[in-house]
Protein backbone atom coordinates (compact mmCIF):
# COMPACT_ATOMS: atom_id res chain seq x y z
CA UNK A 1 28.43 71.36 2.91
CA UNK A 2 31.34 72.67 0.90
CA UNK A 3 31.30 72.89 -2.90
CA UNK A 4 32.86 69.45 -3.43
CA UNK A 5 30.44 67.76 -1.03
CA UNK A 6 27.45 69.46 -2.65
CA UNK A 7 28.55 68.32 -6.13
CA UNK A 8 29.12 64.78 -4.95
CA UNK A 9 25.74 64.69 -3.16
CA UNK A 10 24.12 65.96 -6.37
CA UNK A 11 25.70 63.12 -8.40
CA UNK A 12 24.67 60.44 -5.86
CA UNK A 13 21.14 61.78 -5.59
CA UNK A 14 20.86 61.98 -9.38
CA UNK A 15 21.81 58.27 -9.73
CA UNK A 16 19.42 57.29 -6.96
CA UNK A 17 16.56 59.48 -8.28
CA UNK A 18 17.00 58.39 -11.93
CA UNK A 19 16.93 54.70 -11.00
CA UNK A 20 13.98 54.99 -8.61
CA UNK A 21 12.17 57.24 -11.11
CA UNK A 22 12.38 54.32 -13.52
CA UNK A 23 11.16 51.84 -10.94
CA UNK A 24 8.28 54.04 -9.83
CA UNK A 25 6.90 55.11 -13.21
CA UNK A 26 4.73 52.04 -13.58
CA UNK A 27 2.99 52.72 -10.25
CA UNK A 28 0.32 55.21 -11.51
CA UNK A 29 -0.47 53.26 -14.74
CA UNK A 30 0.14 49.55 -14.37
CA UNK A 31 -3.08 48.52 -12.61
CA UNK A 32 -5.07 50.04 -15.51
CA UNK A 33 -2.83 49.05 -18.46
CA UNK A 34 -2.08 45.49 -17.20
CA UNK A 35 -5.27 44.32 -18.88
CA UNK A 36 -3.30 44.39 -22.16
CA UNK A 37 -1.14 41.45 -21.04
CA UNK A 38 -2.02 37.77 -21.24
CA UNK A 39 -2.90 35.89 -18.01
CA UNK A 40 -3.51 39.07 -16.00
CA UNK A 41 -5.10 38.72 -12.50
CA UNK A 42 -5.31 41.24 -9.62
CA UNK A 43 -2.79 39.14 -7.73
CA UNK A 44 -0.28 39.19 -10.62
CA UNK A 45 -0.77 42.96 -10.98
CA UNK A 46 0.27 43.36 -7.35
CA UNK A 47 3.16 40.96 -7.82
CA UNK A 48 4.42 42.79 -10.96
CA UNK A 49 4.34 46.10 -9.10
CA UNK A 50 6.03 44.81 -5.95
CA UNK A 51 8.28 41.92 -6.99
CA UNK A 52 11.24 44.22 -7.62
CA UNK A 53 11.23 44.66 -3.85
CA UNK A 54 11.93 40.97 -3.23
CA UNK A 55 15.10 40.86 -5.30
CA UNK A 56 16.14 44.23 -3.91
CA UNK A 57 15.60 42.91 -0.39
CA UNK A 58 17.58 39.71 -0.97
CA UNK A 59 20.55 41.52 -2.57
CA UNK A 60 20.88 44.84 -0.63
CA UNK A 61 23.04 43.38 2.13
CA UNK A 62 25.28 41.38 -0.29
CA UNK A 63 25.77 44.51 -2.46
CA UNK A 64 26.43 46.66 0.62
CA UNK A 65 28.90 44.15 2.05
CA UNK A 66 30.72 43.70 -1.29
CA UNK A 67 30.95 47.48 -1.66
CA UNK A 68 32.67 47.61 1.74
CA UNK A 69 35.18 45.02 0.45
CA UNK A 70 35.80 46.07 -3.17
CA UNK A 71 34.66 49.66 -3.36
CA UNK A 72 31.39 51.28 -4.25
CA UNK A 73 31.78 52.09 -7.95
CA UNK A 74 32.15 48.50 -9.31
CA UNK A 75 29.00 47.42 -7.51
CA UNK A 76 27.04 50.42 -8.89
CA UNK A 77 28.04 49.44 -12.46
CA UNK A 78 26.95 45.82 -11.98
CA UNK A 79 23.66 46.85 -10.39
CA UNK A 80 22.71 49.23 -13.18
CA UNK A 81 23.47 46.57 -15.82
CA UNK A 82 20.96 44.23 -14.09
CA UNK A 83 18.47 47.10 -14.07
CA UNK A 84 18.92 47.62 -17.80
CA UNK A 85 18.46 43.92 -18.59
CA UNK A 86 15.26 43.69 -16.53
CA UNK A 87 13.81 46.79 -18.22
CA UNK A 88 14.45 45.25 -21.70
CA UNK A 89 12.81 41.94 -20.65
CA UNK A 90 9.70 43.81 -19.42
CA UNK A 91 9.58 46.00 -22.55
CA UNK A 92 9.44 42.90 -24.82
CA UNK A 93 6.79 41.07 -22.73
CA UNK A 94 3.28 40.23 -23.88
CA UNK A 95 2.45 38.00 -20.92
CA UNK A 96 2.31 39.49 -17.41
CA UNK A 97 4.41 36.60 -16.09
CA UNK A 98 7.38 37.91 -18.12
CA UNK A 99 6.75 41.42 -16.81
CA UNK A 100 7.08 39.94 -13.29
CA UNK A 101 10.40 38.37 -14.39
CA UNK A 102 11.58 41.66 -15.81
CA UNK A 103 10.69 43.56 -12.69
CA UNK A 104 12.49 40.99 -10.56
CA UNK A 105 15.61 41.49 -12.72
CA UNK A 106 15.26 45.30 -12.34
CA UNK A 107 15.32 44.77 -8.61
CA UNK A 108 18.44 42.63 -8.84
CA UNK A 109 20.44 45.83 -9.27
CA UNK A 110 20.30 46.45 -5.54
CA UNK A 111 22.42 49.58 -5.26
CA UNK A 112 20.53 51.81 -2.90
CA UNK A 113 22.67 50.86 0.11
CA UNK A 114 25.83 51.28 -1.90
CA UNK A 115 24.80 54.77 -2.97
CA UNK A 116 23.99 55.86 0.59
CA UNK A 117 27.24 54.44 1.91
CA UNK A 118 29.17 56.12 -0.92
CA UNK A 119 27.61 59.45 0.04
CA UNK A 120 28.57 59.01 3.66
CA UNK A 121 32.17 58.19 2.61
CA UNK A 122 32.61 61.59 0.89
CA UNK A 123 30.60 63.93 3.14
CA UNK A 124 31.98 65.08 6.48
CA UNK A 125 30.20 63.80 9.57
CA UNK A 126 28.84 67.19 10.51
CA UNK A 127 27.22 67.60 7.09
CA UNK A 128 26.03 64.05 6.63
CA UNK A 129 22.52 64.58 7.89
CA UNK A 130 22.03 67.42 5.40
CA UNK A 131 23.36 65.29 2.55
CA UNK A 132 21.13 62.33 3.45
CA UNK A 133 18.08 64.57 3.88
CA UNK A 134 18.87 66.07 0.43
CA UNK A 135 18.99 62.56 -1.13
CA UNK A 136 15.78 61.60 0.67
CA UNK A 137 14.05 64.65 -0.71
CA UNK A 138 15.31 63.79 -4.21
CA UNK A 139 13.80 60.28 -3.85
CA UNK A 140 10.48 61.81 -2.85
CA UNK A 141 10.68 64.22 -5.81
CA UNK A 142 11.50 61.30 -8.16
CA UNK A 143 8.43 59.45 -6.99
CA UNK A 144 6.17 62.47 -7.38
CA UNK A 145 7.49 63.23 -10.88
CA UNK A 146 6.98 59.61 -11.85
CA UNK A 147 3.27 60.07 -11.08
CA UNK A 148 3.16 62.87 -13.64
CA UNK A 149 5.45 61.58 -16.33
CA UNK A 150 4.64 57.85 -16.25
CA UNK A 151 1.08 58.31 -17.53
CA UNK A 152 2.22 60.84 -20.17
CA UNK A 153 4.77 58.36 -21.61
CA UNK A 154 2.34 55.45 -21.42
CA UNK A 155 -0.49 57.29 -23.18
CA UNK A 156 1.88 58.13 -26.11
CA UNK A 157 4.15 55.07 -26.24
CA UNK A 158 2.18 52.31 -24.53
CA UNK A 159 3.28 50.26 -21.53
CA UNK A 160 6.07 48.61 -23.59
CA UNK A 161 7.38 52.04 -24.57
CA UNK A 162 7.38 53.02 -20.86
CA UNK A 163 9.72 50.13 -20.09
CA UNK A 164 12.04 51.16 -22.99
CA UNK A 165 12.21 54.67 -21.49
CA UNK A 166 13.09 53.09 -18.12
CA UNK A 167 15.91 51.11 -19.82
CA UNK A 168 17.21 54.43 -21.20
CA UNK A 169 17.20 55.96 -17.72
CA UNK A 170 19.46 53.15 -16.51
CA UNK A 171 21.97 54.14 -19.17
CA UNK A 172 21.80 57.78 -17.99
CA UNK A 173 22.48 56.64 -14.42
CA UNK A 174 25.38 54.50 -15.57
CA UNK A 175 26.91 57.50 -17.38
CA UNK A 176 26.86 59.42 -14.07
CA UNK A 177 28.42 56.49 -12.21
CA UNK A 178 31.35 56.48 -14.67
CA UNK A 179 32.26 59.99 -13.50
CA UNK A 180 32.49 58.95 -9.84
CA UNK A 181 35.93 58.18 -8.27
CA UNK A 182 36.93 54.63 -7.44
CA UNK A 183 38.16 54.56 -3.86
CA UNK A 184 39.59 51.59 -2.00
CA UNK A 185 37.52 50.55 1.02
CA UNK A 186 38.56 51.81 4.45
CA UNK A 187 38.66 48.40 6.18
CA UNK A 188 38.10 44.74 5.43
CA UNK A 189 35.89 42.55 7.54
CA UNK A 190 34.13 39.19 7.16
CA UNK A 191 30.37 38.86 6.93
CA UNK A 192 30.26 37.08 10.24
CA UNK A 193 27.43 36.75 12.78
CA UNK A 194 29.23 39.15 15.14
CA UNK A 195 29.53 41.80 12.43
CA UNK A 196 25.93 41.39 11.35
CA UNK A 197 24.78 41.76 14.98
CA UNK A 198 26.37 45.26 15.04
CA UNK A 199 23.69 46.50 12.63
CA UNK A 200 20.84 44.66 14.40
CA UNK A 201 20.59 47.24 17.20
CA UNK A 202 17.24 48.34 18.57
CA UNK A 203 17.59 51.86 17.13
CA UNK A 204 18.53 50.68 13.66
CA UNK A 205 15.84 47.96 13.61
CA UNK A 206 13.13 50.49 14.48
CA UNK A 207 14.26 52.70 11.57
CA UNK A 208 14.35 49.62 9.33
CA UNK A 209 10.80 48.76 10.36
CA UNK A 210 9.80 52.33 9.52
CA UNK A 211 11.02 52.16 5.94
CA UNK A 212 9.56 48.68 5.56
CA UNK A 213 6.10 49.90 6.58
CA UNK A 214 6.31 53.12 4.58
CA UNK A 215 7.01 51.30 1.33
CA UNK A 216 4.47 48.55 2.10
CA UNK A 217 1.79 51.25 2.39
CA UNK A 218 3.09 53.02 -0.73
CA UNK A 219 2.88 49.91 -2.90
CA UNK A 220 -0.54 48.91 -1.55
CA UNK A 221 -1.85 52.41 -2.21
CA UNK A 222 -0.73 52.41 -5.82
CA UNK A 223 -2.21 49.06 -6.61
CA UNK A 224 -5.51 50.64 -5.69
CA UNK A 225 -5.17 54.33 -6.62
CA UNK A 226 -5.10 54.23 -10.46
CA UNK A 227 -8.19 52.04 -10.45
CA UNK A 228 -10.00 54.27 -7.96
CA UNK A 229 -9.23 57.36 -10.05
CA UNK A 230 -10.91 55.77 -13.06
CA UNK A 231 -13.72 54.12 -11.05
CA UNK A 232 -14.75 57.43 -9.50
CA UNK A 233 -14.50 59.35 -12.81
CA UNK A 234 -11.77 61.60 -11.44
CA UNK A 235 -9.52 60.98 -14.47
CA UNK A 236 -10.06 59.55 -17.96
CA UNK A 237 -9.80 55.74 -18.42
CA UNK A 238 -6.42 56.11 -20.18
CA UNK A 239 -5.09 58.26 -17.30
CA UNK A 240 -4.02 61.03 -19.73
CA UNK A 241 -5.24 63.73 -17.32
CA UNK A 242 -3.50 62.26 -14.22
CA UNK A 243 -1.48 65.47 -14.03
CA UNK A 244 -4.54 67.41 -12.87
CA UNK A 245 -4.50 65.34 -9.66
CA UNK A 246 -0.82 64.80 -9.10
CA UNK A 247 0.64 68.22 -10.00
CA UNK A 248 -1.13 70.11 -7.21
CA UNK A 249 -0.42 67.22 -4.85
CA UNK A 250 3.32 67.52 -5.62
CA UNK A 251 3.40 71.23 -4.91
CA UNK A 252 1.29 71.13 -1.77
CA UNK A 253 2.98 68.12 -0.20
CA UNK A 254 6.46 69.53 -0.67
CA UNK A 255 5.43 72.73 1.00
CA UNK A 256 3.75 70.75 3.77
CA UNK A 257 6.79 68.58 4.49
CA UNK A 258 9.35 71.39 4.75
CA UNK A 259 8.44 72.49 8.32
CA UNK A 260 8.68 68.83 9.41
CA UNK A 261 12.20 68.43 7.90
CA UNK A 262 13.38 71.73 9.42
CA UNK A 263 12.16 70.79 12.88
CA UNK A 264 13.71 67.32 12.59
CA UNK A 265 17.13 68.26 11.13
CA UNK A 266 17.77 71.79 12.40
CA UNK A 267 16.18 71.50 15.85
CA UNK A 268 16.88 67.77 16.31
CA UNK A 269 13.19 66.81 16.87
CA UNK A 270 13.35 63.57 14.98
CA UNK A 271 11.16 61.42 17.20
CA UNK A 272 8.28 63.95 17.56
CA UNK A 273 8.32 64.52 13.80
CA UNK A 274 8.38 60.82 13.01
CA UNK A 275 5.41 60.22 15.32
CA UNK A 276 3.58 63.16 13.75
CA UNK A 277 4.23 61.86 10.25
CA UNK A 278 2.95 58.40 11.15
CA UNK A 279 -0.24 59.92 12.57
CA UNK A 280 -0.75 61.88 9.37
CA UNK A 281 -0.33 58.62 7.40
CA UNK A 282 -2.89 56.86 9.65
CA UNK A 283 -5.40 59.67 9.08
CA UNK A 284 -4.96 59.51 5.33
CA UNK A 285 -5.48 55.75 5.18
CA UNK A 286 -8.58 55.76 7.42
CA UNK A 287 -10.17 58.52 5.34
CA UNK A 288 -9.30 56.78 2.06
CA UNK A 289 -11.31 53.84 3.37
CA UNK A 290 -14.17 55.85 4.91
CA UNK A 291 -15.18 58.73 2.65
CA UNK A 292 -16.42 58.91 -0.96
CA UNK A 293 -13.70 60.03 -3.35
CA UNK A 294 -14.21 63.20 -5.33
CA UNK A 295 -11.50 65.33 -6.94
CA UNK A 296 -11.38 67.61 -3.88
CA UNK A 297 -11.32 64.86 -1.24
CA UNK A 298 -8.74 62.88 -3.22
CA UNK A 299 -6.52 65.98 -3.55
CA UNK A 300 -6.59 66.56 0.23
CA UNK A 301 -5.94 62.90 1.15
CA UNK A 302 -3.14 62.39 -1.37
CA UNK A 303 -1.52 65.60 -0.17
CA UNK A 304 -1.58 64.31 3.43
CA UNK A 305 -0.25 60.93 2.28
CA UNK A 306 2.69 62.49 0.37
CA UNK A 307 3.55 64.97 3.10
CA UNK A 308 4.05 61.90 5.29
CA UNK A 309 5.84 59.88 2.61
CA UNK A 310 8.26 62.61 1.53
CA UNK A 311 9.08 63.71 5.11
CA UNK A 312 9.83 60.15 6.17
CA UNK A 313 11.99 59.50 3.09
CA UNK A 314 14.05 62.55 3.98
CA UNK A 315 14.42 61.86 7.72
CA UNK A 316 15.20 58.16 7.89
CA UNK A 317 18.44 57.96 5.84
CA UNK A 318 20.04 60.73 7.87
CA UNK A 319 19.25 58.94 11.10
CA UNK A 320 20.76 55.66 9.78
CA UNK A 321 23.92 57.48 8.78
CA UNK A 322 24.20 59.05 12.26
CA UNK A 323 23.77 55.80 14.17
CA UNK A 324 25.75 53.33 12.03
CA UNK A 325 29.52 53.12 12.49
CA UNK A 326 31.68 54.14 9.50
CA UNK A 327 33.23 50.68 8.85
CA UNK A 328 29.82 48.98 8.83
CA UNK A 329 27.91 51.73 7.06
CA UNK A 330 27.51 49.74 3.82
CA UNK A 331 26.15 46.82 5.85
CA UNK A 332 23.79 49.05 7.84
CA UNK A 333 22.53 50.73 4.68
CA UNK A 334 22.11 47.28 3.16
CA UNK A 335 19.80 46.19 5.99
CA UNK A 336 17.90 49.47 5.73
CA UNK A 337 17.41 49.13 1.98
CA UNK A 338 16.55 45.50 2.37
CA UNK A 339 13.75 46.52 4.73
CA UNK A 340 12.60 49.22 2.31
CA UNK A 341 12.26 46.91 -0.68
CA UNK A 342 10.97 43.97 1.32
CA UNK A 343 8.15 46.35 2.32
CA UNK A 344 7.44 47.04 -1.32
CA UNK A 345 7.27 43.32 -2.06
CA UNK A 346 5.06 42.46 0.87
CA UNK A 347 2.81 45.41 -0.05
CA UNK A 348 2.51 44.23 -3.60
CA UNK A 349 1.75 40.59 -2.60
CA UNK A 350 -0.73 41.36 0.18
CA UNK A 351 -2.28 44.33 -1.58
CA UNK A 352 -2.92 42.27 -4.73
CA UNK A 353 -4.20 39.34 -2.66
CA UNK A 354 -6.65 41.48 -0.63
CA UNK A 355 -7.88 43.19 -3.83
CA UNK A 356 -8.39 39.77 -5.41
CA UNK A 357 -10.22 38.21 -2.46
CA UNK A 358 -12.20 41.19 -1.16
CA UNK A 359 -12.31 44.55 -2.94
CA UNK A 360 -10.18 47.65 -3.71
CA UNK A 361 -11.23 49.55 -0.58
CA UNK A 362 -10.29 46.72 1.79
CA UNK A 363 -6.62 47.34 0.96
CA UNK A 364 -6.85 50.52 3.08
CA UNK A 365 -7.88 48.49 6.12
CA UNK A 366 -4.64 46.54 5.85
CA UNK A 367 -2.49 49.69 5.45
CA UNK A 368 -4.26 51.33 8.40
CA UNK A 369 -3.46 48.32 10.61
CA UNK A 370 0.20 48.36 9.54
CA UNK A 371 0.45 52.09 10.20
CA UNK A 372 -1.01 51.64 13.73
CA UNK A 373 1.59 48.89 14.47
CA UNK A 374 4.28 51.25 13.11
CA UNK A 375 3.12 53.99 15.45
CA UNK A 376 3.31 51.63 18.45
CA UNK A 377 6.88 50.62 17.56
CA UNK A 378 8.13 54.17 17.06
CA UNK A 379 6.58 55.46 20.29
CA UNK A 380 9.20 53.31 22.07
CA UNK A 381 12.11 54.92 20.17
CA UNK A 382 14.42 57.17 22.17
CA UNK A 383 15.22 60.62 20.85
CA UNK A 384 18.59 60.50 19.03
CA UNK A 385 21.24 62.56 20.90
CA UNK A 386 23.30 64.65 18.55
């Protein structure tokens, strides 16, 4: 990438990472701290964690389509205003039902597809895979940092204070958006059945299913994980020493994912690497279910999990950008992001329901089953010709 492309990619990835950092920070703490709210149940804990995915899923395609019609920047501003309002609602809540409402409003700012399409608009086709992989890695880094910083903020400011910090992050993201250029769309089209069919190809749908399953497993895992850390005496009940688990996991998983990304992007081995990553995910979920958790075993299993998560987050957006046509890129990214956040919602609902009906450990049986289905789907994918 040239200097201008690198700077633009940095801005887009900063907006994406800041917003997702805000969405993710409740993951490592909410299951434990939710007891402070009125009317809390395991099911509502899962719903509060995952409901943002429902509104994201419903609105990604409309936001992507409207950005193709009216330009990317206006839609980014509207989306971040929704995100800010939802954060304020959640920050002022004393009943978990209102937290659910706030999280749903946060998700209404469905700008992921718009950001990815904006990136593709300004980066040359030959450099697009690098740019998308860079953004994907930033998303993975944002999630990993949220695991460290979310508990630190919550211990010092409480769960309400955490939501106020998230509201502040939306303002930071909005400030970056203001510096982006407003460019007229390349072409106008109607949101017709024929146009929608163009992004419902077998290749794109398999990638959409991949991101759906990845975020389903992620949300399920983090309904369970904070409670397991406390239950097995790996961290303190207030989670103030979460960093002792997640910091080494961050470092090890990023080192572990780099060879996968290099093989996929530089040597065009996307399918073998995707299959390898899914198998790593399956192994981690089976072992989470099967073996007793100590600090050492948890460190190993979380590292495997995040190698898979971070590698997949980096690979999938670049493949979507390669396959989708330029005039429908916003729509294609909309479907991709819809799948991503629908996965988070389904994971929150089913993870909370399984935890409520059975027990914490049973959630890993569900995630293992979903990962096995995912593997079967992706084994039928053809290697992308570049």
